[in-house]
Amino acid sequence: MSLLMETAANAPHFPLSFTLVYVVGFIAAVSIGSIAWYNSKRPVGWEDKERPSIVPEVKPEETPGVGTPKS
């Protein structure tokens, strides 16, 4: 019996931090994806629906990624 207990104590275990990284990453991906979906063009049948108050509205830029235009 002590051999079984010793083997169980020395057995490799799955680290909690590894699992926590995946859980937090999944929650972040779902949150960011939801915000992106709500800010995209509405799917068919959802055009007249209200945006949830928790989702921020993102305004498109005139020159995305280019910077300020020179005149």
PDB file of N, CA and C in Angstrom:
ATOM      1  N   MET A   1       0.826  -1.190   0.000  1.00  0.00           N
ATOM      2  CA  MET A   1       0.000   0.000   0.000  1.00  0.00           C
ATOM      3  C   MET A   1       0.872   1.256   0.000  1.00  0.00           C
ATOM      4  N   SER A   2       1.993   1.254   0.714  1.00  0.00           N
ATOM      5  CA  SER A   2       2.831   2.439   0.748  1.00  0.00           C
ATOM      6  C   SER A   2       3.482   2.675  -0.617  1.00  0.00           C
ATOM      7  N   LEU A   3       3.723   1.593  -1.375  1.00  0.00           N
ATOM      8  CA  LEU A   3       4.272   1.741  -2.711  1.00  0.00           C
ATOM      9  C   LEU A   3       3.288   2.469  -3.619  1.00  0.00           C
ATOM     10  N   LEU A   4       1.994   2.149  -3.488  1.00  0.00           N
ATOM     11  CA  LEU A   4       0.958   2.805  -4.277  1.00  0.00           C
ATOM     12  C   LEU A   4       0.881   4.299  -3.935  1.00  0.00           C
ATOM     13  N   MET A   5       0.955   4.619  -2.640  1.00  0.00           N
ATOM     14  CA  MET A   5       0.898   6.018  -2.204  1.00  0.00           C
ATOM     15  C   MET A   5       2.130   6.783  -2.699  1.00  0.00           C
ATOM     16  N   GLU A   6       3.284   6.125  -2.650  1.00  0.00           N
ATOM     17  CA  GLU A   6       4.522   6.765  -3.095  1.00  0.00           C
ATOM     18  C   GLU A   6       4.499   7.010  -4.598  1.00  0.00           C
ATOM     19  N   THR A   7       3.973   6.058  -5.352  1.00  0.00           N
ATOM     20  CA  THR A   7       3.867   6.208  -6.803  1.00  0.00           C
ATOM     21  C   THR A   7       2.911   7.340  -7.159  1.00  0.00           C
ATOM     22  N   ALA A   8       1.784   7.434  -6.454  1.00  0.00           N
ATOM     23  CA  ALA A   8       0.805   8.486  -6.719  1.00  0.00           C
ATOM     24  C   ALA A   8       1.383   9.861  -6.388  1.00  0.00           C
ATOM     25  N   ALA A   9       2.191   9.940  -5.340  1.00  0.00           N
ATOM     26  CA  ALA A   9       2.766  11.224  -4.945  1.00  0.00           C
ATOM     27  C   ALA A   9       3.825  11.688  -5.943  1.00  0.00           C
ATOM     28  N   ASN A  10       4.526  10.762  -6.577  1.00  0.00           N
ATOM     29  CA  ASN A  10       5.592  11.109  -7.511  1.00  0.00           C
ATOM     30  C   ASN A  10       5.130  11.175  -8.965  1.00  0.00           C
ATOM     31  N   ALA A  11       3.874  10.857  -9.220  1.00  0.00           N
ATOM     32  CA  ALA A  11       3.366  10.846 -10.588  1.00  0.00           C
ATOM     33  C   ALA A  11       3.283  12.271 -11.134  1.00  0.00           C
ATOM     34  N   PRO A  12       3.541  12.461 -12.424  1.00  0.00           N
ATOM     35  CA  PRO A  12       3.423  13.812 -12.990  1.00  0.00           C
ATOM     36  C   PRO A  12       1.961  14.266 -12.959  1.00  0.00           C
ATOM     37  N   HIS A  13       1.750  15.504 -12.688  1.00  0.00           N
ATOM     38  CA  HIS A  13       0.395  16.046 -12.646  1.00  0.00           C
ATOM     39  C   HIS A  13       0.275  17.213 -13.611  1.00  0.00           C
ATOM     40  N   PHE A  14      -0.941  17.486 -14.016  1.00  0.00           N
ATOM     41  CA  PHE A  14      -1.214  18.563 -14.966  1.00  0.00           C
ATOM     42  C   PHE A  14      -1.193  19.884 -14.212  1.00  0.00           C
ATOM     43  N   PRO A  15      -0.352  20.843 -14.596  1.00  0.00           N
ATOM     44  CA  PRO A  15      -0.241  22.094 -13.834  1.00  0.00           C
ATOM     45  C   PRO A  15      -1.498  22.954 -13.956  1.00  0.00           C
ATOM     46  N   LEU A  16      -1.889  23.526 -12.847  1.00  0.00           N
ATOM     47  CA  LEU A  16      -3.069  24.389 -12.794  1.00  0.00           C
ATOM     48  C   LEU A  16      -2.875  25.646 -13.635  1.00  0.00           C
ATOM     49  N   SER A  17      -1.669  26.192 -13.639  1.00  0.00           N
ATOM     50  CA  SER A  17      -1.424  27.422 -14.396  1.00  0.00           C
ATOM     51  C   SER A  17      -1.631  27.207 -15.892  1.00  0.00           C
ATOM     52  N   PHE A  18      -1.278  26.028 -16.382  1.00  0.00           N
ATOM     53  CA  PHE A  18      -1.468  25.696 -17.796  1.00  0.00           C
ATOM     54  C   PHE A  18      -2.957  25.724 -18.145  1.00  0.00           C
ATOM     55  N   THR A  19      -3.767  25.127 -17.291  1.00  0.00           N
ATOM     56  CA  THR A  19      -5.215  25.108 -17.508  1.00  0.00           C
ATOM     57  C   THR A  19      -5.787  26.520 -17.410  1.00  0.00           C
ATOM     58  N   LEU A  20      -5.299  27.288 -16.448  1.00  0.00           N
ATOM     59  CA  LEU A  20      -5.798  28.643 -16.248  1.00  0.00           C
ATOM     60  C   LEU A  20      -5.539  29.526 -17.461  1.00  0.00           C
ATOM     61  N   VAL A  21      -4.381  29.370 -18.100  1.00  0.00           N
ATOM     62  CA  VAL A  21      -4.056  30.146 -19.303  1.00  0.00           C
ATOM     63  C   VAL A  21      -5.054  29.842 -20.418  1.00  0.00           C
ATOM     64  N   TYR A  22      -5.390  28.581 -20.595  1.00  0.00           N
ATOM     65  CA  TYR A  22      -6.349  28.228 -21.627  1.00  0.00           C
ATOM     66  C   TYR A  22      -7.746  28.741 -21.319  1.00  0.00           C
ATOM     67  N   VAL A  23      -8.171  28.694 -20.073  1.00  0.00           N
ATOM     68  CA  VAL A  23      -9.501  29.174 -19.697  1.00  0.00           C
ATOM     69  C   VAL A  23      -9.592  30.689 -19.902  1.00  0.00           C
ATOM     70  N   VAL A  24      -8.585  31.423 -19.432  1.00  0.00           N
ATOM     71  CA  VAL A  24      -8.589  32.887 -19.588  1.00  0.00           C
ATOM     72  C   VAL A  24      -8.505  33.257 -21.069  1.00  0.00           C
ATOM     73  N   GLY A  25      -7.700  32.537 -21.835  1.00  0.00           N
ATOM     74  CA  GLY A  25      -7.594  32.792 -23.270  1.00  0.00           C
ATOM     75  C   GLY A  25      -8.902  32.560 -24.005  1.00  0.00           C
ATOM     76  N   PHE A  26      -9.609  31.499 -23.628  1.00  0.00           N
ATOM     77  CA  PHE A  26     -10.896  31.208 -24.258  1.00  0.00           C
ATOM     78  C   PHE A  26     -11.908  32.305 -23.958  1.00  0.00           C
ATOM     79  N   ILE A  27     -11.957  32.745 -22.709  1.00  0.00           N
ATOM     80  CA  ILE A  27     -12.897  33.808 -22.324  1.00  0.00           C
ATOM     81  C   ILE A  27     -12.554  35.107 -23.072  1.00  0.00           C
ATOM     82  N   ALA A  28     -11.270  35.418 -23.187  1.00  0.00           N
ATOM     83  CA  ALA A  28     -10.857  36.627 -23.913  1.00  0.00           C
ATOM     84  C   ALA A  28     -11.225  36.530 -25.393  1.00  0.00           C
ATOM     85  N   ALA A  29     -11.006  35.363 -25.987  1.00  0.00           N
ATOM     86  CA  ALA A  29     -11.325  35.190 -27.410  1.00  0.00           C
ATOM     87  C   ALA A  29     -12.822  35.334 -27.660  1.00  0.00           C
ATOM     88  N   VAL A  30     -13.637  34.769 -26.787  1.00  0.00           N
ATOM     89  CA  VAL A  30     -15.093  34.880 -26.950  1.00  0.00           C
ATOM     90  C   VAL A  30     -15.539  36.329 -26.768  1.00  0.00           C
ATOM     91  N   SER A  31     -14.970  37.018 -25.786  1.00  0.00           N
ATOM     92  CA  SER A  31     -15.342  38.427 -25.546  1.00  0.00           C
ATOM     93  C   SER A  31     -14.963  39.314 -26.727  1.00  0.00           C
ATOM     94  N   ILE A  32     -13.730  39.204 -27.182  1.00  0.00           N
ATOM     95  CA  ILE A  32     -13.272  40.024 -28.310  1.00  0.00           C
ATOM     96  C   ILE A  32     -14.038  39.676 -29.581  1.00  0.00           C
ATOM     97  N   GLY A  33     -14.291  38.406 -29.800  1.00  0.00           N
ATOM     98  CA  GLY A  33     -15.065  37.983 -30.968  1.00  0.00           C
ATOM     99  C   GLY A  33     -16.487  38.505 -30.942  1.00  0.00           C
ATOM    100  N   SER A  34     -17.096  38.529 -29.751  1.00  0.00           N
ATOM    101  CA  SER A  34     -18.458  39.050 -29.629  1.00  0.00           C
ATOM    102  C   SER A  34     -18.510  40.539 -29.935  1.00  0.00           C
ATOM    103  N   ILE A  35     -17.536  41.288 -29.424  1.00  0.00           N
ATOM    104  CA  ILE A  35     -17.494  42.730 -29.715  1.00  0.00           C
ATOM    105  C   ILE A  35     -17.295  42.960 -31.205  1.00  0.00           C
ATOM    106  N   ALA A  36     -16.413  42.197 -31.821  1.00  0.00           N
ATOM    107  CA  ALA A  36     -16.176  42.344 -33.267  1.00  0.00           C
ATOM    108  C   ALA A  36     -17.431  41.989 -34.059  1.00  0.00           C
ATOM    109  N   TRP A  37     -18.129  40.961 -33.655  1.00  0.00           N
ATOM    110  CA  TRP A  37     -19.331  40.553 -34.379  1.00  0.00           C
ATOM    111  C   TRP A  37     -20.419  41.615 -34.263  1.00  0.00           C
ATOM    112  N   TYR A  38     -20.604  42.170 -33.063  1.00  0.00           N
ATOM    113  CA  TYR A  38     -21.628  43.195 -32.885  1.00  0.00           C
ATOM    114  C   TYR A  38     -21.278  44.470 -33.652  1.00  0.00           C
ATOM    115  N   ASN A  39     -19.992  44.751 -33.854  1.00  0.00           N
ATOM    116  CA  ASN A  39     -19.593  45.952 -34.578  1.00  0.00           C
ATOM    117  C   ASN A  39     -19.536  45.743 -36.087  1.00  0.00           C
ATOM    118  N   SER A  40     -19.697  44.512 -36.519  1.00  0.00           N
ATOM    119  CA  SER A  40     -19.676  44.247 -37.956  1.00  0.00           C
ATOM    120  C   SER A  40     -21.073  44.481 -38.535  1.00  0.00           C
ATOM    121  N   LYS A  41     -21.193  44.263 -39.821  1.00  0.00           N
ATOM    122  CA  LYS A  41     -22.493  44.401 -40.472  1.00  0.00           C
ATOM    123  C   LYS A  41     -23.464  43.388 -39.867  1.00  0.00           C
ATOM    124  N   ARG A  42     -24.656  43.816 -39.644  1.00  0.00           N
ATOM    125  CA  ARG A  42     -25.654  42.947 -39.027  1.00  0.00           C
ATOM    126  C   ARG A  42     -26.056  41.818 -39.986  1.00  0.00           C
ATOM    127  N   PRO A  43     -26.213  40.614 -39.466  1.00  0.00           N
ATOM    128  CA  PRO A  43     -26.683  39.508 -40.306  1.00  0.00           C
ATOM    129  C   PRO A  43     -28.126  39.743 -40.762  1.00  0.00           C
ATOM    130  N   VAL A  44     -28.557  39.008 -41.754  1.00  0.00           N
ATOM    131  CA  VAL A  44     -29.910  39.142 -42.284  1.00  0.00           C
ATOM    132  C   VAL A  44     -30.920  38.935 -41.156  1.00  0.00           C
ATOM    133  N   GLY A  45     -31.850  39.876 -41.027  1.00  0.00           N
ATOM    134  CA  GLY A  45     -32.872  39.796 -39.992  1.00  0.00           C
ATOM    135  C   GLY A  45     -32.496  40.542 -38.720  1.00  0.00           C
ATOM    136  N   TRP A  46     -31.248  40.972 -38.587  1.00  0.00           N
ATOM    137  CA  TRP A  46     -30.795  41.672 -37.385  1.00  0.00           C
ATOM    138  C   TRP A  46     -30.499  43.143 -37.670  1.00  0.00           C
ATOM    139  N   GLU A  47     -30.792  43.636 -38.862  1.00  0.00           N
ATOM    140  CA  GLU A  47     -30.413  44.998 -39.238  1.00  0.00           C
ATOM    141  C   GLU A  47     -31.032  46.064 -38.331  1.00  0.00           C
ATOM    142  N   ASP A  48     -32.251  45.849 -37.855  1.00  0.00           N
ATOM    143  CA  ASP A  48     -32.934  46.879 -37.065  1.00  0.00           C
ATOM    144  C   ASP A  48     -32.833  46.628 -35.560  1.00  0.00           C
ATOM    145  N   LYS A  49     -32.016  45.688 -35.126  1.00  0.00           N
ATOM    146  CA  LYS A  49     -31.881  45.380 -33.697  1.00  0.00           C
ATOM    147  C   LYS A  49     -30.952  46.378 -33.020  1.00  0.00           C
ATOM    148  N   GLU A  50     -31.184  46.623 -31.746  1.00  0.00           N
ATOM    149  CA  GLU A  50     -30.358  47.551 -30.965  1.00  0.00           C
ATOM    150  C   GLU A  50     -29.046  46.884 -30.569  1.00  0.00           C
ATOM    151  N   ARG A  51     -27.994  47.683 -30.496  1.00  0.00           N
ATOM    152  CA  ARG A  51     -26.688  47.217 -30.007  1.00  0.00           C
ATOM    153  C   ARG A  51     -26.775  47.122 -28.483  1.00  0.00           C
ATOM    154  N   PRO A  52     -26.286  46.039 -27.882  1.00  0.00           N
ATOM    155  CA  PRO A  52     -26.285  45.954 -26.416  1.00  0.00           C
ATOM    156  C   PRO A  52     -25.445  47.078 -25.816  1.00  0.00           C
ATOM    157  N   SER A  53     -25.858  47.593 -24.669  1.00  0.00           N
ATOM    158  CA  SER A  53     -25.176  48.742 -24.063  1.00  0.00           C
ATOM    159  C   SER A  53     -23.758  48.408 -23.618  1.00  0.00           C
ATOM    160  N   ILE A  54     -23.441  47.139 -23.406  1.00  0.00           N
ATOM    161  CA  ILE A  54     -22.109  46.751 -22.934  1.00  0.00           C
ATOM    162  C   ILE A  54     -21.079  46.746 -24.069  1.00  0.00           C
ATOM    163  N   VAL A  55     -21.545  46.699 -25.317  1.00  0.00           N
ATOM    164  CA  VAL A  55     -20.645  46.617 -26.468  1.00  0.00           C
ATOM    165  C   VAL A  55     -20.321  48.021 -26.963  1.00  0.00           C
ATOM    166  N   PRO A  56     -19.044  48.404 -26.970  1.00  0.00           N
ATOM    167  CA  PRO A  56     -18.693  49.749 -27.445  1.00  0.00           C
ATOM    168  C   PRO A  56     -18.831  49.857 -28.960  1.00  0.00           C
ATOM    169  N   GLU A  57     -19.159  51.054 -29.428  1.00  0.00           N
ATOM    170  CA  GLU A  57     -19.263  51.270 -30.873  1.00  0.00           C
ATOM    171  C   GLU A  57     -17.905  51.698 -31.402  1.00  0.00           C
ATOM    172  N   VAL A  58     -17.441  51.031 -32.444  1.00  0.00           N
ATOM    173  CA  VAL A  58     -16.146  51.327 -33.040  1.00  0.00           C
ATOM    174  C   VAL A  58     -16.391  52.047 -34.358  1.00  0.00           C
ATOM    175  N   LYS A  59     -15.846  53.263 -34.453  1.00  0.00           N
ATOM    176  CA  LYS A  59     -16.004  54.054 -35.679  1.00  0.00           C
ATOM    177  C   LYS A  59     -14.883  53.700 -36.654  1.00  0.00           C
ATOM    178  N   PRO A  60     -15.195  53.481 -37.935  1.00  0.00           N
ATOM    179  CA  PRO A  60     -14.138  53.195 -38.910  1.00  0.00           C
ATOM    180  C   PRO A  60     -13.314  54.451 -39.196  1.00  0.00           C
ATOM    181  N   GLU A  61     -12.029  54.249 -39.451  1.00  0.00           N
ATOM    182  CA  GLU A  61     -11.145  55.369 -39.774  1.00  0.00           C
ATOM    183  C   GLU A  61     -11.207  55.666 -41.266  1.00  0.00           C
ATOM    184  N   GLU A  62     -10.915  56.922 -41.621  1.00  0.00           N
ATOM    185  CA  GLU A  62     -10.906  57.286 -43.040  1.00  0.00           C
ATOM    186  C   GLU A  62      -9.735  56.633 -43.757  1.00  0.00           C
ATOM    187  N   THR A  63      -8.589  56.630 -43.085  1.00  0.00           N
ATOM    188  CA  THR A  63      -7.385  56.031 -43.681  1.00  0.00           C
ATOM    189  C   THR A  63      -6.805  55.016 -42.687  1.00  0.00           C
ATOM    190  N   PRO A  64      -7.353  53.827 -42.603  1.00  0.00           N
ATOM    191  CA  PRO A  64      -6.882  52.875 -41.614  1.00  0.00           C
ATOM    192  C   PRO A  64      -5.449  52.415 -41.897  1.00  0.00           C
ATOM    193  N   GLY A  65      -4.596  52.536 -40.889  1.00  0.00           N
ATOM    194  CA  GLY A  65      -3.239  52.056 -40.984  1.00  0.00           C
ATOM    195  C   GLY A  65      -2.290  52.954 -41.755  1.00  0.00           C
ATOM    196  N   VAL A  66      -2.768  54.051 -42.321  1.00  0.00           N
ATOM    197  CA  VAL A  66      -1.930  54.912 -43.126  1.00  0.00           C
ATOM    198  C   VAL A  66      -1.414  56.080 -42.303  1.00  0.00           C
ATOM    199  N   GLY A  67      -2.163  56.518 -41.334  1.00  0.00           N
ATOM    200  CA  GLY A  67      -1.782  57.693 -40.552  1.00  0.00           C
ATOM    201  C   GLY A  67      -2.495  58.918 -41.068  1.00  0.00           C
ATOM    202  N   THR A  68      -2.000  60.072 -40.734  1.00  0.00           N
ATOM    203  CA  THR A  68      -2.645  61.300 -41.185  1.00  0.00           C
ATOM    204  C   THR A  68      -2.254  61.605 -42.613  1.00  0.00           C
ATOM    205  N   PRO A  69      -3.232  61.896 -43.455  1.00  0.00           N
ATOM    206  CA  PRO A  69      -2.908  62.188 -44.862  1.00  0.00           C
ATOM    207  C   PRO A  69      -2.216  63.545 -44.985  1.00  0.00           C
ATOM    208  N   LYS A  70      -1.225  63.620 -45.866  1.00  0.00           N
ATOM    209  CA  LYS A  70      -0.503  64.879 -46.116  1.00  0.00           C
ATOM    210  C   LYS A  70      -1.164  65.595 -47.285  1.00  0.00           C
ATOM    211  N   SER A  71      -1.244  66.921 -47.150  1.00  0.00           N
ATOM    212  CA  SER A  71      -1.864  67.683 -48.246  1.00  0.00           C
ATOM    213  C   SER A  71      -0.857  68.385 -49.103  1.00  0.00           C
TER     214      SER A  71
END
